[in-house]
Amino acid sequence: MPQSGVIRPDLDRIERILERLQVASIRDTRGRLATRWQCYSLFFTFDGDGEVYAARTIYDRFFTVDDKPALRAVLDEWNRDTVGLKVYTATDDDGTVIIVSEATTHIGGGVTSEQFAATTTAWLNAAGSFHLWLGPRLFLAGLPGDPV
């Protein structure tokens, strides 16, 4: 039995948090709540029958498979130096390499409204912080630094 003040969050609750933060959002066809920024899209989901709350960001930067070793070195620096938001590459069927960031938390036992709002806000900030951190690192690594 959940404790007093503990909630089981859902997409409606995320929408209300985003509205309070004045962040526009949409629900996509896959049941995710998405926010669109100038150089990336952030998707909020509940995985594992609502047991895991996740935020995944896809950045508008595109690379080739040949770029992967240098790109991984840049992303490894972020992953070593930060907690919470982890970044990795994903390769599309056409060979295009993209950057994805992901943060997750287990919410199976429920969370308080304050915890949930703070987590959502922190993940929004982390996605933007990574975007700002990434450009100069890509330039130093000799990789395309500007989003497409």
N, C-alpha and C. Protein backbone atom coordinates (compact mmCIF):
# COMPACT_ATOMS: atom_id res chain seq x y z
N MET A 1 0.84 -1.18 0.00
CA MET A 1 0.00 0.00 0.00
C MET A 1 0.89 1.25 0.00
N PRO A 2 0.65 2.18 -0.96
CA PRO A 2 1.47 3.38 -1.03
C PRO A 2 1.33 4.25 0.21
N GLN A 3 2.42 4.93 0.53
CA GLN A 3 2.41 5.86 1.66
C GLN A 3 1.64 7.12 1.29
N SER A 4 1.22 7.84 2.31
CA SER A 4 0.53 9.10 2.09
C SER A 4 1.46 10.06 1.35
N GLY A 5 0.91 10.76 0.36
CA GLY A 5 1.71 11.72 -0.41
C GLY A 5 2.45 11.10 -1.58
N VAL A 6 2.39 9.77 -1.71
CA VAL A 6 3.07 9.07 -2.79
C VAL A 6 2.11 8.94 -3.97
N ILE A 7 2.62 9.23 -5.17
CA ILE A 7 1.80 9.18 -6.39
C ILE A 7 2.37 8.15 -7.35
N ARG A 8 1.56 7.74 -8.31
CA ARG A 8 2.00 6.94 -9.45
C ARG A 8 1.92 7.88 -10.65
N PRO A 9 3.04 8.46 -11.07
CA PRO A 9 3.02 9.48 -12.13
C PRO A 9 2.54 8.91 -13.47
N ASP A 10 2.07 9.82 -14.31
CA ASP A 10 1.67 9.46 -15.66
C ASP A 10 2.00 10.64 -16.58
N LEU A 11 1.70 10.47 -17.89
CA LEU A 11 2.03 11.51 -18.86
C LEU A 11 1.26 12.81 -18.58
N ASP A 12 0.04 12.71 -18.08
CA ASP A 12 -0.71 13.92 -17.75
C ASP A 12 0.02 14.76 -16.71
N ARG A 13 0.60 14.10 -15.73
CA ARG A 13 1.34 14.82 -14.69
C ARG A 13 2.58 15.50 -15.30
N ILE A 14 3.27 14.82 -16.20
CA ILE A 14 4.43 15.44 -16.87
C ILE A 14 3.97 16.67 -17.64
N GLU A 15 2.86 16.55 -18.36
CA GLU A 15 2.34 17.69 -19.12
C GLU A 15 2.08 18.89 -18.20
N ARG A 16 1.52 18.65 -17.05
CA ARG A 16 1.26 19.75 -16.11
C ARG A 16 2.56 20.39 -15.62
N ILE A 17 3.56 19.57 -15.36
CA ILE A 17 4.87 20.10 -14.95
C ILE A 17 5.45 20.96 -16.06
N LEU A 18 5.40 20.46 -17.29
CA LEU A 18 5.95 21.21 -18.42
C LEU A 18 5.18 22.51 -18.64
N GLU A 19 3.87 22.48 -18.47
CA GLU A 19 3.08 23.71 -18.60
C GLU A 19 3.51 24.74 -17.55
N ARG A 20 3.73 24.29 -16.32
CA ARG A 20 4.19 25.21 -15.26
C ARG A 20 5.56 25.81 -15.62
N LEU A 21 6.39 25.02 -16.29
CA LEU A 21 7.71 25.49 -16.71
C LEU A 21 7.65 26.27 -18.02
N GLN A 22 6.47 26.38 -18.61
CA GLN A 22 6.25 27.03 -19.90
C GLN A 22 7.04 26.36 -21.01
N VAL A 23 7.01 25.03 -21.00
CA VAL A 23 7.66 24.22 -22.03
C VAL A 23 6.56 23.54 -22.84
N ALA A 24 6.53 23.80 -24.14
CA ALA A 24 5.53 23.19 -25.01
C ALA A 24 5.83 21.70 -25.18
N SER A 25 4.78 20.90 -25.30
CA SER A 25 4.97 19.46 -25.48
C SER A 25 3.86 18.90 -26.37
N ILE A 26 4.14 17.73 -26.93
CA ILE A 26 3.15 17.00 -27.73
C ILE A 26 3.25 15.52 -27.38
N ARG A 27 2.18 14.80 -27.63
CA ARG A 27 2.21 13.34 -27.50
C ARG A 27 2.40 12.78 -28.89
N ASP A 28 3.39 11.91 -29.04
CA ASP A 28 3.62 11.33 -30.36
C ASP A 28 2.83 10.03 -30.52
N THR A 29 2.94 9.45 -31.71
CA THR A 29 2.17 8.25 -32.03
C THR A 29 2.62 7.03 -31.24
N ARG A 30 3.78 7.09 -30.62
CA ARG A 30 4.29 5.96 -29.84
C ARG A 30 3.95 6.09 -28.35
N GLY A 31 3.13 7.08 -28.01
CA GLY A 31 2.70 7.23 -26.63
C GLY A 31 3.70 7.94 -25.74
N ARG A 32 4.65 8.64 -26.35
CA ARG A 32 5.63 9.39 -25.57
C ARG A 32 5.20 10.86 -25.52
N LEU A 33 5.65 11.53 -24.50
CA LEU A 33 5.45 12.97 -24.41
C LEU A 33 6.76 13.60 -24.87
N ALA A 34 6.69 14.47 -25.86
CA ALA A 34 7.90 15.02 -26.46
C ALA A 34 7.95 16.53 -26.32
N THR A 35 9.17 17.03 -26.14
CA THR A 35 9.44 18.47 -26.21
C THR A 35 10.45 18.68 -27.32
N ARG A 36 10.29 19.75 -28.05
CA ARG A 36 11.20 20.04 -29.17
C ARG A 36 11.95 21.32 -28.87
N TRP A 37 13.26 21.24 -28.98
CA TRP A 37 14.13 22.39 -28.79
C TRP A 37 14.81 22.66 -30.12
N GLN A 38 15.57 23.73 -30.22
CA GLN A 38 16.17 24.10 -31.50
C GLN A 38 17.07 23.00 -32.06
N CYS A 39 17.80 22.29 -31.21
CA CYS A 39 18.79 21.33 -31.70
C CYS A 39 18.60 19.91 -31.17
N TYR A 40 17.48 19.65 -30.53
CA TYR A 40 17.22 18.31 -30.01
C TYR A 40 15.76 18.13 -29.64
N SER A 41 15.37 16.86 -29.52
CA SER A 41 14.03 16.50 -29.06
C SER A 41 14.17 15.62 -27.83
N LEU A 42 13.35 15.87 -26.82
CA LEU A 42 13.39 15.11 -25.58
C LEU A 42 12.06 14.37 -25.42
N PHE A 43 12.14 13.07 -25.13
CA PHE A 43 10.95 12.23 -25.00
C PHE A 43 10.86 11.67 -23.58
N PHE A 44 9.70 11.81 -22.97
CA PHE A 44 9.45 11.24 -21.65
C PHE A 44 8.59 9.99 -21.81
N THR A 45 8.98 8.90 -21.15
CA THR A 45 8.24 7.65 -21.25
C THR A 45 8.18 6.96 -19.89
N PHE A 46 7.27 6.02 -19.81
CA PHE A 46 7.22 5.09 -18.69
C PHE A 46 7.43 3.70 -19.26
N ASP A 47 8.45 3.02 -18.80
CA ASP A 47 8.78 1.70 -19.30
C ASP A 47 8.47 0.65 -18.24
N GLY A 48 8.44 -0.60 -18.66
CA GLY A 48 8.26 -1.69 -17.69
C GLY A 48 6.98 -1.57 -16.90
N ASP A 49 5.85 -1.41 -17.61
CA ASP A 49 4.55 -1.29 -16.94
C ASP A 49 4.52 -0.13 -15.93
N GLY A 50 5.18 0.96 -16.28
CA GLY A 50 5.17 2.14 -15.42
C GLY A 50 6.14 2.09 -14.26
N GLU A 51 7.00 1.09 -14.23
CA GLU A 51 7.96 0.94 -13.13
C GLU A 51 9.17 1.87 -13.29
N VAL A 52 9.47 2.25 -14.53
CA VAL A 52 10.66 3.05 -14.81
C VAL A 52 10.25 4.31 -15.56
N TYR A 53 10.65 5.45 -15.04
CA TYR A 53 10.43 6.74 -15.69
C TYR A 53 11.71 7.08 -16.43
N ALA A 54 11.58 7.44 -17.72
CA ALA A 54 12.77 7.67 -18.54
C ALA A 54 12.62 8.95 -19.36
N ALA A 55 13.75 9.59 -19.59
CA ALA A 55 13.83 10.73 -20.51
C ALA A 55 14.95 10.41 -21.49
N ARG A 56 14.62 10.42 -22.78
CA ARG A 56 15.62 10.18 -23.82
C ARG A 56 15.64 11.38 -24.75
N THR A 57 16.84 11.84 -25.03
CA THR A 57 17.00 13.00 -25.90
C THR A 57 17.75 12.57 -27.15
N ILE A 58 17.24 12.98 -28.30
CA ILE A 58 17.91 12.73 -29.57
C ILE A 58 18.39 14.08 -30.08
N TYR A 59 19.68 14.17 -30.30
CA TYR A 59 20.31 15.43 -30.71
C TYR A 59 20.40 15.50 -32.23
N ASP A 60 20.22 16.69 -32.79
CA ASP A 60 20.22 16.90 -34.24
C ASP A 60 21.64 17.04 -34.78
N ARG A 61 22.43 16.05 -34.53
CA ARG A 61 23.81 16.00 -35.04
C ARG A 61 23.98 14.62 -35.66
N PHE A 62 24.53 14.61 -36.87
CA PHE A 62 24.60 13.36 -37.61
C PHE A 62 26.05 13.08 -38.02
N PHE A 63 26.45 11.83 -37.86
CA PHE A 63 27.83 11.43 -38.08
C PHE A 63 27.86 10.17 -38.93
N THR A 64 29.07 9.82 -39.37
CA THR A 64 29.26 8.57 -40.11
C THR A 64 29.82 7.51 -39.17
N VAL A 65 29.79 6.29 -39.61
CA VAL A 65 30.35 5.19 -38.82
C VAL A 65 31.84 5.44 -38.58
N ASP A 66 32.52 6.06 -39.54
CA ASP A 66 33.95 6.35 -39.39
C ASP A 66 34.21 7.34 -38.25
N ASP A 67 33.22 8.16 -37.90
CA ASP A 67 33.35 9.13 -36.82
C ASP A 67 33.21 8.50 -35.43
N LYS A 68 32.71 7.26 -35.37
CA LYS A 68 32.35 6.67 -34.08
C LYS A 68 33.49 6.61 -33.06
N PRO A 69 34.72 6.22 -33.41
CA PRO A 69 35.76 6.18 -32.38
C PRO A 69 36.00 7.54 -31.71
N ALA A 70 36.11 8.60 -32.51
CA ALA A 70 36.33 9.93 -31.93
C ALA A 70 35.09 10.39 -31.16
N LEU A 71 33.92 10.08 -31.68
CA LEU A 71 32.68 10.45 -31.02
C LEU A 71 32.54 9.74 -29.67
N ARG A 72 32.86 8.48 -29.64
CA ARG A 72 32.79 7.73 -28.38
C ARG A 72 33.76 8.29 -27.34
N ALA A 73 34.93 8.74 -27.77
CA ALA A 73 35.89 9.33 -26.83
C ALA A 73 35.30 10.59 -26.20
N VAL A 74 34.62 11.40 -27.00
CA VAL A 74 33.98 12.62 -26.48
C VAL A 74 32.88 12.24 -25.49
N LEU A 75 32.03 11.30 -25.87
CA LEU A 75 30.91 10.91 -25.01
C LEU A 75 31.40 10.23 -23.73
N ASP A 76 32.49 9.48 -23.83
CA ASP A 76 33.06 8.85 -22.63
C ASP A 76 33.47 9.89 -21.60
N GLU A 77 33.98 11.03 -22.07
CA GLU A 77 34.37 12.10 -21.14
C GLU A 77 33.14 12.57 -20.34
N TRP A 78 32.04 12.80 -21.02
CA TRP A 78 30.81 13.20 -20.32
C TRP A 78 30.38 12.13 -19.33
N ASN A 79 30.35 10.88 -19.77
CA ASN A 79 29.88 9.79 -18.91
C ASN A 79 30.76 9.59 -17.69
N ARG A 80 32.06 9.84 -17.83
CA ARG A 80 32.97 9.72 -16.68
C ARG A 80 32.77 10.85 -15.68
N ASP A 81 32.51 12.05 -16.20
CA ASP A 81 32.50 13.25 -15.35
C ASP A 81 31.14 13.63 -14.79
N THR A 82 30.07 12.98 -15.20
CA THR A 82 28.74 13.36 -14.75
C THR A 82 27.97 12.14 -14.24
N VAL A 83 26.94 12.42 -13.47
CA VAL A 83 26.03 11.36 -13.01
C VAL A 83 24.64 11.68 -13.53
N GLY A 84 23.82 10.68 -13.61
CA GLY A 84 22.43 10.88 -14.00
C GLY A 84 22.20 10.71 -15.48
N LEU A 85 22.57 11.69 -16.27
CA LEU A 85 22.35 11.67 -17.71
C LEU A 85 23.52 10.96 -18.39
N LYS A 86 23.24 9.87 -19.07
CA LYS A 86 24.28 9.13 -19.79
C LYS A 86 24.03 9.27 -21.28
N VAL A 87 25.11 9.31 -22.04
CA VAL A 87 25.02 9.51 -23.49
C VAL A 87 25.67 8.36 -24.23
N TYR A 88 25.15 8.10 -25.43
CA TYR A 88 25.67 7.01 -26.24
C TYR A 88 25.34 7.29 -27.70
N THR A 89 25.89 6.47 -28.58
CA THR A 89 25.59 6.58 -30.00
C THR A 89 24.56 5.53 -30.38
N ALA A 90 23.84 5.82 -31.45
CA ALA A 90 22.94 4.85 -32.06
C ALA A 90 23.16 4.96 -33.56
N THR A 91 23.09 3.84 -34.25
CA THR A 91 23.33 3.82 -35.69
C THR A 91 22.04 3.42 -36.40
N ASP A 92 21.59 4.28 -37.32
CA ASP A 92 20.40 3.98 -38.12
C ASP A 92 20.73 2.93 -39.17
N ASP A 93 19.70 2.39 -39.79
CA ASP A 93 19.88 1.37 -40.82
C ASP A 93 20.71 1.87 -42.00
N ASP A 94 20.66 3.18 -42.27
CA ASP A 94 21.42 3.73 -43.39
C ASP A 94 22.87 4.06 -43.02
N GLY A 95 23.27 3.75 -41.79
CA GLY A 95 24.64 4.00 -41.35
C GLY A 95 24.86 5.34 -40.68
N THR A 96 23.83 6.15 -40.59
CA THR A 96 23.94 7.44 -39.91
C THR A 96 24.04 7.22 -38.40
N VAL A 97 25.00 7.87 -37.80
CA VAL A 97 25.22 7.75 -36.35
C VAL A 97 24.65 8.99 -35.68
N ILE A 98 23.88 8.78 -34.62
CA ILE A 98 23.30 9.89 -33.87
C ILE A 98 23.72 9.78 -32.41
N ILE A 99 23.49 10.87 -31.67
CA ILE A 99 23.77 10.90 -30.24
C ILE A 99 22.45 10.89 -29.48
N VAL A 100 22.39 10.04 -28.46
CA VAL A 100 21.21 9.93 -27.61
C VAL A 100 21.66 10.09 -26.17
N SER A 101 20.87 10.81 -25.37
CA SER A 101 21.12 10.83 -23.93
C SER A 101 19.92 10.20 -23.24
N GLU A 102 20.19 9.64 -22.08
CA GLU A 102 19.12 8.93 -21.37
C GLU A 102 19.31 9.06 -19.86
N ALA A 103 18.19 9.28 -19.19
CA ALA A 103 18.16 9.27 -17.73
C ALA A 103 16.95 8.44 -17.33
N THR A 104 17.12 7.61 -16.32
CA THR A 104 16.01 6.78 -15.85
C THR A 104 15.99 6.76 -14.32
N THR A 105 14.82 6.49 -13.80
CA THR A 105 14.68 6.27 -12.37
C THR A 105 13.56 5.27 -12.13
N HIS A 106 13.75 4.42 -11.16
CA HIS A 106 12.75 3.42 -10.80
C HIS A 106 11.69 4.09 -9.93
N ILE A 107 10.43 3.97 -10.35
CA ILE A 107 9.34 4.61 -9.60
C ILE A 107 8.27 3.59 -9.20
N GLY A 108 8.61 2.33 -9.22
CA GLY A 108 7.64 1.28 -8.94
C GLY A 108 6.91 1.44 -7.62
N GLY A 109 7.58 1.93 -6.62
CA GLY A 109 6.95 2.13 -5.31
C GLY A 109 6.26 3.47 -5.19
N GLY A 110 6.33 4.27 -6.25
CA GLY A 110 5.75 5.60 -6.23
C GLY A 110 6.77 6.65 -5.80
N VAL A 111 6.42 7.89 -6.03
CA VAL A 111 7.26 9.03 -5.65
C VAL A 111 6.34 10.14 -5.16
N THR A 112 6.90 11.14 -4.53
CA THR A 112 6.09 12.30 -4.18
C THR A 112 5.99 13.23 -5.39
N SER A 113 5.01 14.08 -5.38
CA SER A 113 4.85 15.06 -6.47
C SER A 113 6.10 15.92 -6.59
N GLU A 114 6.67 16.30 -5.45
CA GLU A 114 7.86 17.15 -5.45
C GLU A 114 9.06 16.43 -6.06
N GLN A 115 9.24 15.16 -5.70
CA GLN A 115 10.34 14.38 -6.28
C GLN A 115 10.18 14.27 -7.79
N PHE A 116 8.97 14.00 -8.23
CA PHE A 116 8.73 13.81 -9.66
C PHE A 116 8.96 15.11 -10.43
N ALA A 117 8.46 16.22 -9.92
CA ALA A 117 8.66 17.51 -10.58
C ALA A 117 10.14 17.88 -10.61
N ALA A 118 10.85 17.64 -9.52
CA ALA A 118 12.29 17.96 -9.47
C ALA A 118 13.07 17.10 -10.45
N THR A 119 12.73 15.83 -10.55
CA THR A 119 13.41 14.93 -11.49
C THR A 119 13.18 15.38 -12.92
N THR A 120 11.93 15.68 -13.26
CA THR A 120 11.60 16.12 -14.62
C THR A 120 12.35 17.40 -14.96
N THR A 121 12.36 18.35 -14.06
CA THR A 121 13.06 19.62 -14.28
C THR A 121 14.56 19.40 -14.43
N ALA A 122 15.13 18.56 -13.60
CA ALA A 122 16.57 18.27 -13.68
C ALA A 122 16.92 17.64 -15.02
N TRP A 123 16.08 16.75 -15.51
CA TRP A 123 16.36 16.11 -16.80
C TRP A 123 16.27 17.09 -17.95
N LEU A 124 15.32 18.02 -17.90
CA LEU A 124 15.25 19.07 -18.92
C LEU A 124 16.54 19.89 -18.92
N ASN A 125 16.99 20.28 -17.74
CA ASN A 125 18.22 21.07 -17.62
C ASN A 125 19.44 20.28 -18.08
N ALA A 126 19.51 19.01 -17.74
CA ALA A 126 20.66 18.18 -18.12
C ALA A 126 20.76 18.03 -19.63
N ALA A 127 19.62 17.86 -20.31
CA ALA A 127 19.64 17.73 -21.77
C ALA A 127 20.21 18.99 -22.41
N GLY A 128 19.79 20.16 -21.92
CA GLY A 128 20.32 21.42 -22.43
C GLY A 128 21.78 21.62 -22.08
N SER A 129 22.17 21.25 -20.88
CA SER A 129 23.58 21.38 -20.47
C SER A 129 24.48 20.52 -21.34
N PHE A 130 24.04 19.30 -21.63
CA PHE A 130 24.84 18.43 -22.49
C PHE A 130 24.97 19.03 -23.88
N HIS A 131 23.90 19.58 -24.41
CA HIS A 131 23.94 20.21 -25.73
C HIS A 131 24.99 21.32 -25.76
N LEU A 132 25.00 22.17 -24.74
CA LEU A 132 25.98 23.27 -24.68
C LEU A 132 27.40 22.75 -24.49
N TRP A 133 27.57 21.69 -23.75
CA TRP A 133 28.88 21.09 -23.50
C TRP A 133 29.43 20.43 -24.76
N LEU A 134 28.55 19.85 -25.57
CA LEU A 134 28.96 19.00 -26.69
C LEU A 134 29.65 19.75 -27.82
N GLY A 135 29.12 20.89 -28.24
CA GLY A 135 29.65 21.60 -29.40
C GLY A 135 31.16 21.83 -29.36
N PRO A 136 31.69 22.46 -28.31
CA PRO A 136 33.13 22.69 -28.25
C PRO A 136 33.94 21.39 -28.22
N ARG A 137 33.42 20.35 -27.57
CA ARG A 137 34.15 19.07 -27.49
C ARG A 137 34.25 18.42 -28.87
N LEU A 138 33.17 18.52 -29.65
CA LEU A 138 33.20 17.95 -31.01
C LEU A 138 34.21 18.70 -31.86
N PHE A 139 34.24 20.02 -31.74
CA PHE A 139 35.20 20.83 -32.50
C PHE A 139 36.63 20.41 -32.18
N LEU A 140 36.94 20.27 -30.89
CA LEU A 140 38.29 19.87 -30.47
C LEU A 140 38.65 18.48 -30.97
N ALA A 141 37.65 17.62 -31.13
CA ALA A 141 37.89 16.25 -31.61
C ALA A 141 37.93 16.18 -33.13
N GLY A 142 37.74 17.33 -33.81
CA GLY A 142 37.76 17.34 -35.26
C GLY A 142 36.49 16.80 -35.89
N LEU A 143 35.41 16.81 -35.13
CA LEU A 143 34.12 16.32 -35.63
C LEU A 143 33.21 17.51 -35.93
N PRO A 144 32.20 17.31 -36.78
CA PRO A 144 31.27 18.42 -37.05
C PRO A 144 30.65 18.92 -35.76
N GLY A 145 30.79 20.20 -35.47
CA GLY A 145 30.32 20.72 -34.20
C GLY A 145 28.95 21.35 -34.23
N ASP A 146 28.45 21.68 -35.42
CA ASP A 146 27.17 22.36 -35.51
C ASP A 146 26.05 21.37 -35.78
N PRO A 147 24.91 21.56 -35.14
CA PRO A 147 23.76 20.70 -35.42
C PRO A 147 23.29 20.90 -36.85
N VAL A 148 22.74 19.86 -37.42
CA VAL A 148 22.21 19.94 -38.79
C VAL A 148 20.75 20.29 -38.73
